[in-house]
């Protein structure tokens, strides 16, 4: 067997393994949790010193987009794990979390659907680039509108504006983790059906 055949066999094995999709989702969720835990002022100062970053660097400001990116990627992989656990092929080109949740059979509320849309935009561009592609430049206003309604609170502070998560938003760690566990419950149920002896 040559190297190309080995890679192809690995591709098939992993693409058809719900566990491969699930563990990637689980690790991304854990990484999001680590970012969330780093956002406090004292922890931020400790990390800045530990990592040798400029003293002006603030995890409180830097964590937002990467946190949402990791949350979104984690849910995307979890929804795809559920689809694979059902014996279907996941749509590897889609990043639309409301659509992927629907295909997975994960029930979400209207508010959660809006939050999933915010996470989708962070996976597609906002967590990675300063602007979307030229074709999707209208996304900036759509995302800003959704986020101002559901996510961020801005307030004036000396020297400018502070943007912070709204209290009790479903994308703070506690609420995001509950949403994750809701989908995880469906995944575990399907896995138990697939492997009753485990």
Protein backbone atom coordinates (compact mmCIF):
# COMPACT_ATOMS: atom_id res chain seq x y z
CA UNK A 1 0.00 0.00 0.00
CA UNK A 2 1.46 3.39 -0.96
CA UNK A 3 1.18 6.69 0.90
CA UNK A 4 -1.61 8.02 -1.35
CA UNK A 5 -3.73 4.94 -0.62
CA UNK A 6 -3.09 5.36 3.12
CA UNK A 7 -4.24 9.00 3.03
CA UNK A 8 -7.32 8.04 1.02
CA UNK A 9 -8.16 5.23 3.48
CA UNK A 10 -7.72 7.67 6.40
CA UNK A 11 -9.94 10.21 4.64
CA UNK A 12 -12.72 7.64 4.18
CA UNK A 13 -12.36 6.27 7.71
CA UNK A 14 -12.44 9.70 9.38
CA UNK A 15 -15.14 11.17 7.15
CA UNK A 16 -17.45 8.25 8.03
CA UNK A 17 -16.58 8.21 11.74
CA UNK A 18 -18.99 10.12 13.98
CA UNK A 19 -16.36 9.94 16.72
CA UNK A 20 -13.76 11.72 14.55
CA UNK A 21 -16.19 14.59 13.96
CA UNK A 22 -17.29 14.57 17.60
CA UNK A 23 -13.81 14.72 19.14
CA UNK A 24 -12.79 17.58 16.89
CA UNK A 25 -15.97 19.40 18.02
CA UNK A 26 -15.21 18.60 21.66
CA UNK A 27 -11.64 19.92 21.45
CA UNK A 28 -12.80 23.15 19.78
CA UNK A 29 -15.43 23.60 22.50
CA UNK A 30 -12.74 23.15 25.17
CA UNK A 31 -10.49 25.69 23.43
CA UNK A 32 -13.40 28.17 23.42
CA UNK A 33 -13.75 27.59 27.17
CA UNK A 34 -10.07 28.33 27.72
CA UNK A 35 -10.43 31.62 25.83
CA UNK A 36 -13.51 32.49 27.86
CA UNK A 37 -11.62 31.81 31.10
CA UNK A 38 -8.76 34.09 29.99
CA UNK A 39 -10.86 37.22 29.57
CA UNK A 40 -10.79 38.55 33.15
CA UNK A 41 -8.54 41.51 33.90
CA UNK A 42 -6.27 39.70 36.38
CA UNK A 43 -5.95 36.56 34.22
CA UNK A 44 -5.33 38.75 31.19
CA UNK A 45 -2.43 40.50 32.96
CA UNK A 46 -0.96 37.14 33.96
CA UNK A 47 -1.20 35.81 30.40
CA UNK A 48 0.25 38.98 28.88
CA UNK A 49 3.26 38.62 31.15
CA UNK A 50 3.54 34.84 30.69
CA UNK A 51 3.38 35.10 26.88
CA UNK A 52 5.62 38.15 26.61
CA UNK A 53 2.96 40.28 24.91
CA UNK A 54 2.90 44.08 24.94
CA UNK A 55 1.44 45.38 28.18
CA UNK A 56 -1.33 47.12 26.21
CA UNK A 57 -2.61 43.72 25.01
CA UNK A 58 -5.91 42.78 26.65
CA UNK A 59 -7.49 39.34 26.50
CA UNK A 60 -10.79 41.06 27.30
CA UNK A 61 -10.62 42.79 23.92
CA UNK A 62 -8.80 40.10 21.96
CA UNK A 63 -10.87 37.05 22.94
CA UNK A 64 -14.24 38.06 21.43
CA UNK A 65 -13.94 37.05 17.77
CA UNK A 66 -11.69 34.00 18.32
CA UNK A 67 -14.08 32.83 21.07
CA UNK A 68 -17.08 33.11 18.74
CA UNK A 69 -15.12 31.45 15.93
CA UNK A 70 -14.27 28.47 18.14
CA UNK A 71 -17.84 28.25 19.48
CA UNK A 72 -19.20 28.27 15.93
CA UNK A 73 -16.69 25.73 14.60
CA UNK A 74 -17.37 23.48 17.57
CA UNK A 75 -21.13 23.47 16.96
CA UNK A 76 -20.62 23.03 13.22
CA UNK A 77 -18.55 19.89 13.84
CA UNK A 78 -20.99 18.62 16.47
CA UNK A 79 -23.96 19.02 14.11
CA UNK A 80 -21.98 17.22 11.39
CA UNK A 81 -21.08 14.45 13.88
CA UNK A 82 -24.80 13.95 14.47
CA UNK A 83 -25.44 13.72 10.73
CA UNK A 84 -22.65 11.14 10.36
CA UNK A 85 -24.02 9.21 13.36
CA UNK A 86 -27.31 8.99 11.46
CA UNK A 87 -25.43 7.29 8.62
CA UNK A 88 -25.59 10.32 6.32
CA UNK A 89 -22.88 12.40 4.67
CA UNK A 90 -22.30 15.83 6.19
CA UNK A 91 -22.38 18.93 4.03
CA UNK A 92 -18.71 19.83 4.35
CA UNK A 93 -19.13 23.06 2.38
CA UNK A 94 -21.82 24.58 4.58
CA UNK A 95 -21.08 26.80 7.58
CA UNK A 96 -24.72 27.83 8.13
CA UNK A 97 -25.36 26.66 11.67
CA UNK A 98 -29.15 27.09 11.52
CA UNK A 99 -29.24 24.85 8.42
CA UNK A 100 -26.79 22.35 9.88
CA UNK A 101 -28.77 22.20 13.15
CA UNK A 102 -31.92 21.51 11.15
CA UNK A 103 -30.24 18.74 9.15
CA UNK A 104 -28.94 17.23 12.38
CA UNK A 105 -32.40 17.39 13.96
CA UNK A 106 -31.31 19.73 16.76
CA UNK A 107 -34.28 21.83 17.84
CA UNK A 108 -33.46 25.50 18.47
CA UNK A 109 -35.52 28.51 19.49
CA UNK A 110 -35.79 31.65 17.32
CA UNK A 111 -33.32 33.44 19.59
CA UNK A 112 -30.89 30.51 19.38
CA UNK A 113 -31.29 30.58 15.60
CA UNK A 114 -30.20 34.24 15.60
CA UNK A 115 -27.23 33.35 17.80
CA UNK A 116 -26.32 30.47 15.47
CA UNK A 117 -26.41 32.96 12.58
CA UNK A 118 -23.97 35.20 14.47
CA UNK A 119 -21.67 32.24 15.04
CA UNK A 120 -21.96 31.26 11.35
CA UNK A 121 -20.78 34.71 10.27
CA UNK A 122 -17.84 34.40 12.68
CA UNK A 123 -16.89 31.04 11.17
CA UNK A 124 -17.28 32.34 7.60
CA UNK A 125 -15.40 35.62 8.01
CA UNK A 126 -15.72 37.74 11.16
CA UNK A 127 -13.58 35.43 13.28
CA UNK A 128 -10.88 35.30 10.60
CA UNK A 129 -10.92 38.50 8.53
CA UNK A 130 -11.65 42.19 9.15
CA UNK A 131 -14.28 42.17 6.36
CA UNK A 132 -16.20 39.58 4.34
CA UNK A 133 -15.62 38.95 0.65
CA UNK A 134 -16.66 41.66 -1.82
CA UNK A 135 -19.74 39.55 -2.72
CA UNK A 136 -20.88 39.43 0.90
CA UNK A 137 -20.03 42.98 2.01
CA UNK A 138 -23.65 43.49 3.12
CA UNK A 139 -22.89 40.93 5.84
CA UNK A 140 -21.13 43.61 7.88
CA UNK A 141 -24.38 45.49 8.51
CA UNK A 142 -26.40 42.28 9.01
CA UNK A 143 -23.92 40.98 11.57
CA UNK A 144 -23.71 44.35 13.35
CA UNK A 145 -27.51 44.48 13.58
CA UNK A 146 -27.79 40.94 14.95
CA UNK A 147 -24.99 41.47 17.43
CA UNK A 148 -26.36 44.75 18.74
CA UNK A 149 -29.72 43.05 19.37
CA UNK A 150 -28.46 39.80 20.84
CA UNK A 151 -24.87 39.99 21.89
CA UNK A 152 -22.80 43.08 22.53
CA UNK A 153 -23.28 46.01 24.83
CA UNK A 154 -21.18 49.11 24.28
CA UNK A 155 -20.54 51.78 26.86
CA UNK A 156 -18.32 54.81 27.01
CA UNK A 157 -15.22 54.56 29.14
CA UNK A 158 -12.33 57.01 29.52
CA UNK A 159 -10.49 56.97 26.22
CA UNK A 160 -13.22 55.40 24.06
CA UNK A 161 -15.87 52.72 23.93
CA UNK A 162 -15.87 49.36 25.71
CA UNK A 163 -17.69 46.56 23.95
CA UNK A 164 -18.70 43.65 26.15
CA UNK A 165 -21.05 40.69 26.07
CA UNK A 166 -24.56 41.48 27.17
CA UNK A 167 -25.33 39.96 30.57
CA UNK A 168 -27.03 36.57 30.27
CA UNK A 169 -26.48 36.25 26.54
CA UNK A 170 -26.66 32.71 25.29
CA UNK A 171 -23.15 33.06 23.95
CA UNK A 172 -21.51 33.58 27.30
CA UNK A 173 -19.76 30.36 28.35
CA UNK A 174 -22.56 29.05 30.58
CA UNK A 175 -25.29 29.44 27.97
CA UNK A 176 -23.14 28.38 25.03
CA UNK A 177 -22.12 25.23 26.92
CA UNK A 178 -25.80 24.45 27.61
CA UNK A 179 -26.57 24.77 23.89
CA UNK A 180 -23.60 22.51 23.13
CA UNK A 181 -24.76 19.91 25.68
CA UNK A 182 -28.27 20.01 24.16
CA UNK A 183 -26.86 18.89 20.79
CA UNK A 184 -24.40 16.54 22.53
CA UNK A 185 -27.33 14.70 24.12
CA UNK A 186 -28.73 13.89 20.66
CA UNK A 187 -25.30 12.76 19.47
CA UNK A 188 -24.87 10.43 22.47
CA UNK A 189 -28.36 9.00 21.98
CA UNK A 190 -27.55 8.18 18.34
CA UNK A 191 -24.20 6.67 19.28
CA UNK A 192 -25.90 4.47 21.88
CA UNK A 193 -28.31 3.24 19.21
CA UNK A 194 -25.39 2.54 16.86
CA UNK A 195 -23.33 0.76 19.55
CA UNK A 196 -25.76 -0.63 22.16
CA UNK A 197 -23.04 -2.64 23.92
CA UNK A 198 -20.82 0.37 24.70
